[in-house]
């Protein structure tokens, strides 16, 4: 645990330290359209579609998920999104696979300029479309309210998300942060996901492949840090890969995340 913390601390120094002394970037577009585990403050422009998919594998348990996210710009500040996914979770008689819960949402860019602190507000609604009995869904509808702040730091950017998931019984807070530093066609990232109330295999709070704490009634803190690398071979295409590392007992030990993002404009 200590060695992992030291290693990720060094990664943070490289990523964040390299961004500070550089001058402001002349790029008009987002440094990244999508992070690996966190969410950027940007929304899609009017009439623009974005398609993103990520293979997310976590240990222990060996569960994985393949979500597909579609975003559409209703206006230059308001976007709608739909996310569905295919899951594989450990079961008594082997892995159980099938579609998970569906999520729909609206995001509004209250302040779109990261040079002066961008701010995006949003709400996502989770629909219980996955099979709860097979471990593929939560079995309940919930609402996640969030705000994302984005700030330019030299050539890089920092995005911080505060979330509150409102369910039938209680509200659960969570915090995500992501730093990105560009280098030619590459983007180096460092992301963190902090949540309370038990360990989920994925940062969106999905119940699949959860690793419960020793005392089920005692709340614990899950902290996962993900160093990553993105490559942009074209202006509308991104590829990313990262290694999530759990820094607390409630978090998954480690994983691998790969993401593909494509933008389309009509």
Protein backbone atom coordinates (compact mmCIF):
# COMPACT_ATOMS: atom_id res chain seq x y z
CA UNK A 1 0.00 0.00 0.00
CA UNK A 2 2.78 2.42 0.93
CA UNK A 3 4.78 1.64 -2.23
CA UNK A 4 1.73 2.26 -4.40
CA UNK A 5 1.18 5.63 -2.72
CA UNK A 6 4.78 6.70 -3.29
CA UNK A 7 4.68 5.65 -6.95
CA UNK A 8 1.45 7.53 -7.65
CA UNK A 9 2.78 10.53 -5.77
CA UNK A 10 5.71 10.67 -8.18
CA UNK A 11 3.31 10.45 -11.13
CA UNK A 12 1.34 13.37 -9.72
CA UNK A 13 4.49 15.49 -9.43
CA UNK A 14 5.38 14.80 -13.06
CA UNK A 15 1.88 15.52 -14.42
CA UNK A 16 0.97 18.55 -12.32
CA UNK A 17 4.44 19.96 -12.01
CA UNK A 18 4.94 19.96 -15.76
CA UNK A 19 1.78 21.97 -16.37
CA UNK A 20 2.53 24.92 -14.13
CA UNK A 21 5.38 26.78 -15.84
CA UNK A 22 4.04 26.59 -19.39
CA UNK A 23 2.17 29.40 -21.08
CA UNK A 24 -1.53 29.34 -21.85
CA UNK A 25 -2.51 26.91 -24.55
CA UNK A 26 -3.77 28.25 -27.85
CA UNK A 27 -6.00 25.24 -28.40
CA UNK A 28 -9.67 26.14 -28.80
CA UNK A 29 -10.95 22.60 -28.43
CA UNK A 30 -10.95 20.53 -25.25
CA UNK A 31 -7.68 18.94 -24.20
CA UNK A 32 -9.69 15.76 -23.72
CA UNK A 33 -13.25 14.92 -24.68
CA UNK A 34 -13.53 12.15 -22.06
CA UNK A 35 -11.38 11.02 -19.13
CA UNK A 36 -10.92 7.39 -18.12
CA UNK A 37 -12.81 7.46 -14.81
CA UNK A 38 -13.68 11.13 -14.16
CA UNK A 39 -15.84 13.52 -16.18
CA UNK A 40 -14.71 16.69 -18.00
CA UNK A 41 -16.56 19.99 -17.64
CA UNK A 42 -17.06 20.34 -21.41
CA UNK A 43 -20.37 19.78 -23.18
CA UNK A 44 -20.93 19.05 -26.87
CA UNK A 45 -21.57 21.93 -29.27
CA UNK A 46 -24.98 22.28 -30.91
CA UNK A 47 -25.64 19.49 -33.41
CA UNK A 48 -22.54 17.53 -32.37
CA UNK A 49 -22.60 13.84 -31.43
CA UNK A 50 -19.96 12.09 -29.35
CA UNK A 51 -19.66 8.32 -29.07
CA UNK A 52 -17.43 6.88 -26.36
CA UNK A 53 -16.81 3.35 -25.10
CA UNK A 54 -14.46 1.99 -22.44
CA UNK A 55 -13.44 -1.51 -21.38
CA UNK A 56 -13.07 -1.35 -17.58
CA UNK A 57 -11.57 -4.36 -15.75
CA UNK A 58 -11.04 -4.46 -11.97
CA UNK A 59 -9.41 -6.85 -9.45
CA UNK A 60 -10.12 -8.66 -7.17
CA UNK A 61 -13.03 -10.52 -8.67
CA UNK A 62 -12.12 -10.01 -12.31
CA UNK A 63 -15.35 -8.21 -13.19
CA UNK A 64 -15.46 -5.98 -16.24
CA UNK A 65 -17.86 -3.62 -17.94
CA UNK A 66 -18.17 -2.23 -21.45
CA UNK A 67 -20.25 0.97 -21.34
CA UNK A 68 -21.31 2.90 -24.43
CA UNK A 69 -21.92 6.62 -23.95
CA UNK A 70 -23.70 8.83 -26.50
CA UNK A 71 -23.78 12.62 -26.03
CA UNK A 72 -25.60 15.19 -28.17
CA UNK A 73 -25.38 18.99 -28.11
CA UNK A 74 -28.90 20.45 -27.94
CA UNK A 75 -27.41 23.95 -27.77
CA UNK A 76 -23.82 25.13 -27.39
CA UNK A 77 -24.27 24.91 -23.61
CA UNK A 78 -26.81 22.11 -23.09
CA UNK A 79 -26.17 18.45 -23.90
CA UNK A 80 -28.12 15.23 -23.41
CA UNK A 81 -26.48 11.86 -22.83
CA UNK A 82 -27.45 8.20 -22.69
CA UNK A 83 -25.22 5.44 -21.33
CA UNK A 84 -25.79 1.70 -21.53
CA UNK A 85 -23.35 -1.12 -20.92
CA UNK A 86 -22.56 -4.82 -21.02
CA UNK A 87 -21.29 -6.33 -17.74
CA UNK A 88 -19.43 -9.43 -16.60
CA UNK A 89 -19.60 -10.10 -12.85
CA UNK A 90 -18.45 -13.10 -10.77
CA UNK A 91 -21.25 -15.50 -9.86
CA UNK A 92 -21.62 -18.69 -7.82
CA UNK A 93 -21.46 -20.90 -10.92
CA UNK A 94 -19.07 -18.72 -12.92
CA UNK A 95 -19.17 -15.31 -14.55
CA UNK A 96 -22.57 -13.73 -15.19
CA UNK A 97 -22.86 -11.50 -18.26
CA UNK A 98 -25.57 -9.26 -19.63
CA UNK A 99 -26.80 -5.68 -20.02
CA UNK A 100 -26.60 -3.39 -17.00
CA UNK A 101 -28.62 -0.39 -15.87
CA UNK A 102 -29.39 2.48 -18.25
CA UNK A 103 -28.47 6.08 -17.46
CA UNK A 104 -29.81 9.28 -19.03
CA UNK A 105 -28.81 12.83 -18.20
CA UNK A 106 -28.69 16.54 -19.00
CA UNK A 107 -25.59 18.72 -18.56
CA UNK A 108 -25.49 22.52 -18.76
CA UNK A 109 -22.34 24.63 -19.11
CA UNK A 110 -22.99 27.51 -16.74
CA UNK A 111 -19.50 28.92 -17.43
CA UNK A 112 -17.77 27.41 -20.50
CA UNK A 113 -14.32 29.05 -20.34
CA UNK A 114 -11.60 27.12 -18.45
CA UNK A 115 -9.33 30.19 -18.55
CA UNK A 116 -11.58 31.79 -15.91
CA UNK A 117 -12.88 28.60 -14.22
CA UNK A 118 -15.50 26.70 -16.20
CA UNK A 119 -18.54 25.32 -14.40
CA UNK A 120 -20.96 22.63 -15.60
CA UNK A 121 -24.04 21.46 -13.72
CA UNK A 122 -25.93 18.29 -14.43
CA UNK A 123 -28.25 15.50 -13.37
CA UNK A 124 -28.15 11.84 -14.36
CA UNK A 125 -31.00 9.40 -13.77
CA UNK A 126 -30.19 5.72 -13.35
CA UNK A 127 -32.90 3.33 -14.56
CA UNK A 128 -33.02 -0.25 -13.17
CA UNK A 129 -32.92 -2.06 -16.54
CA UNK A 130 -30.26 -4.59 -15.47
CA UNK A 131 -31.17 -7.94 -13.89
CA UNK A 132 -30.79 -7.42 -10.13
CA UNK A 133 -31.13 -11.13 -9.29
CA UNK A 134 -28.13 -11.96 -11.52
CA UNK A 135 -26.05 -9.09 -10.10
CA UNK A 136 -26.28 -6.99 -13.27
CA UNK A 137 -28.30 -4.09 -11.90
CA UNK A 138 -29.08 -2.10 -8.77
CA UNK A 139 -32.81 -2.87 -8.80
CA UNK A 140 -33.70 0.75 -8.09
CA UNK A 141 -33.90 4.14 -9.77
CA UNK A 142 -31.64 6.89 -8.50
CA UNK A 143 -30.65 10.45 -9.33
CA UNK A 144 -27.11 11.81 -9.36
CA UNK A 145 -26.66 15.57 -9.07
CA UNK A 146 -23.24 17.01 -9.81
CA UNK A 147 -21.16 20.08 -10.53
CA UNK A 148 -17.87 20.07 -12.47
CA UNK A 149 -15.28 22.86 -12.24
CA UNK A 150 -12.51 23.12 -14.83
CA UNK A 151 -9.44 25.35 -14.71
CA UNK A 152 -6.54 25.83 -17.12
CA UNK A 153 -3.11 25.34 -15.50
CA UNK A 154 -0.44 26.42 -17.97
CA UNK A 155 -0.73 24.01 -20.89
CA UNK A 156 -2.76 21.59 -18.79
CA UNK A 157 -6.14 21.54 -17.08
CA UNK A 158 -7.67 20.41 -13.80
CA UNK A 159 -11.27 19.17 -13.58
CA UNK A 160 -12.99 18.53 -10.22
CA UNK A 161 -16.43 16.95 -9.85
CA UNK A 162 -18.61 16.94 -6.74
CA UNK A 163 -21.48 14.42 -6.85
CA UNK A 164 -24.47 13.52 -4.71
CA UNK A 165 -26.33 10.31 -5.52
CA UNK A 166 -29.87 10.39 -4.18
CA UNK A 167 -31.48 6.98 -3.69
CA UNK A 168 -34.50 5.60 -1.88
CA UNK A 169 -32.88 5.49 1.56
CA UNK A 170 -29.99 7.96 1.70
CA UNK A 171 -27.75 10.30 -0.29
CA UNK A 172 -24.14 9.33 -1.00
CA UNK A 173 -21.51 11.97 -1.80
CA UNK A 174 -18.49 11.38 -4.05
CA UNK A 175 -15.61 13.41 -5.44
CA UNK A 176 -13.65 12.96 -8.67
CA UNK A 177 -10.64 14.92 -9.93
CA UNK A 178 -8.61 14.73 -13.14
CA UNK A 179 -5.49 16.57 -14.32
CA UNK A 180 -4.35 16.51 -17.96
CA UNK A 181 -1.10 17.67 -19.56
CA UNK A 182 -0.68 17.71 -23.38
CA UNK A 183 2.51 16.73 -25.20
CA UNK A 184 2.13 16.86 -29.02
CA UNK A 185 -0.58 14.29 -29.90
CA UNK A 186 -0.44 12.72 -26.41
CA UNK A 187 -2.24 13.62 -23.18
CA UNK A 188 -0.93 12.49 -19.80
CA UNK A 189 -3.63 12.22 -17.15
CA UNK A 190 -3.91 11.61 -13.43
CA UNK A 191 -7.38 10.91 -12.02
CA UNK A 192 -8.77 10.23 -8.55
CA UNK A 193 -12.15 8.84 -7.43
CA UNK A 194 -13.20 9.24 -3.80
CA UNK A 195 -16.45 7.78 -2.44
CA UNK A 196 -17.97 6.83 0.90
CA UNK A 197 -20.25 4.06 2.03
CA UNK A 198 -18.61 0.88 0.75
CA UNK A 199 -16.45 -0.25 -2.15
CA UNK A 200 -17.74 -0.41 -5.68
CA UNK A 201 -15.69 -1.83 -8.51
CA UNK A 202 -16.35 1.25 -10.66
CA UNK A 203 -16.30 4.97 -9.87
CA UNK A 204 -19.91 5.53 -10.94
CA UNK A 205 -21.10 3.54 -7.95
CA UNK A 206 -22.23 0.46 -9.91
CA UNK A 207 -23.01 -2.37 -7.44
CA UNK A 208 -21.55 -5.11 -9.63
CA UNK A 209 -18.43 -6.88 -8.33
CA UNK A 210 -18.44 -4.80 -5.17
CA UNK A 211 -15.96 -5.74 -2.46
CA UNK A 212 -17.81 -5.12 0.84
CA UNK A 213 -16.02 -3.89 3.92
CA UNK A 214 -15.31 -6.27 6.81
CA UNK A 215 -18.11 -4.68 8.83
CA UNK A 216 -21.12 -4.24 6.54
CA UNK A 217 -22.61 -1.61 8.84
CA UNK A 218 -19.45 0.48 9.01
CA UNK A 219 -18.97 3.03 6.25
CA UNK A 220 -15.55 3.12 4.64
CA UNK A 221 -13.79 5.32 2.13
CA UNK A 222 -12.82 4.11 -1.33
CA UNK A 223 -9.96 6.00 -3.03
CA UNK A 224 -8.77 4.99 -6.50
CA UNK A 225 -6.04 6.85 -8.42
CA UNK A 226 -5.58 6.31 -12.17
CA UNK A 227 -2.53 7.45 -14.16
CA UNK A 228 -3.30 7.35 -17.87
CA UNK A 229 -2.16 8.18 -21.38
CA UNK A 230 -4.29 9.39 -24.32
CA UNK A 231 -3.38 9.56 -27.99
CA UNK A 232 -5.17 11.70 -30.58
CA UNK A 233 -4.41 10.43 -34.11
CA UNK A 234 -7.00 12.83 -35.57
CA UNK A 235 -8.99 15.91 -34.49
CA UNK A 236 -12.16 13.87 -33.84
CA UNK A 237 -10.68 10.63 -32.49
CA UNK A 238 -9.10 9.72 -29.12
CA UNK A 239 -7.62 6.56 -27.62
CA UNK A 240 -6.79 6.25 -23.92
CA UNK A 241 -5.47 3.67 -21.48
CA UNK A 242 -4.93 3.77 -17.72
CA UNK A 243 -4.27 1.66 -14.63
CA UNK A 244 -6.61 2.30 -11.65
CA UNK A 245 -4.89 1.60 -8.32
CA UNK A 246 -6.80 1.36 -5.03
CA UNK A 247 -5.21 3.21 -2.10
CA UNK A 248 -7.66 2.14 0.63
CA UNK A 249 -8.91 -1.24 1.86
CA UNK A 250 -12.42 -0.57 0.54
CA UNK A 251 -11.19 0.09 -3.01
CA UNK A 252 -10.47 -2.51 -5.71
CA UNK A 253 -6.77 -3.41 -5.77
CA UNK A 254 -6.07 -2.54 -9.40
CA UNK A 255 -7.51 -2.61 -12.90
CA UNK A 256 -7.11 -1.63 -16.54
CA UNK A 257 -9.23 0.91 -18.43
CA UNK A 258 -9.16 1.52 -22.18
CA UNK A 259 -11.30 4.17 -23.87
CA UNK A 260 -12.20 5.11 -27.46
CA UNK A 261 -13.96 8.41 -28.27
CA UNK A 262 -15.27 9.61 -31.65
CA UNK A 263 -16.94 12.94 -32.45
CA UNK A 264 -19.44 13.44 -35.26
CA UNK A 265 -21.01 16.69 -36.43
CA UNK A 266 -24.09 17.02 -38.63
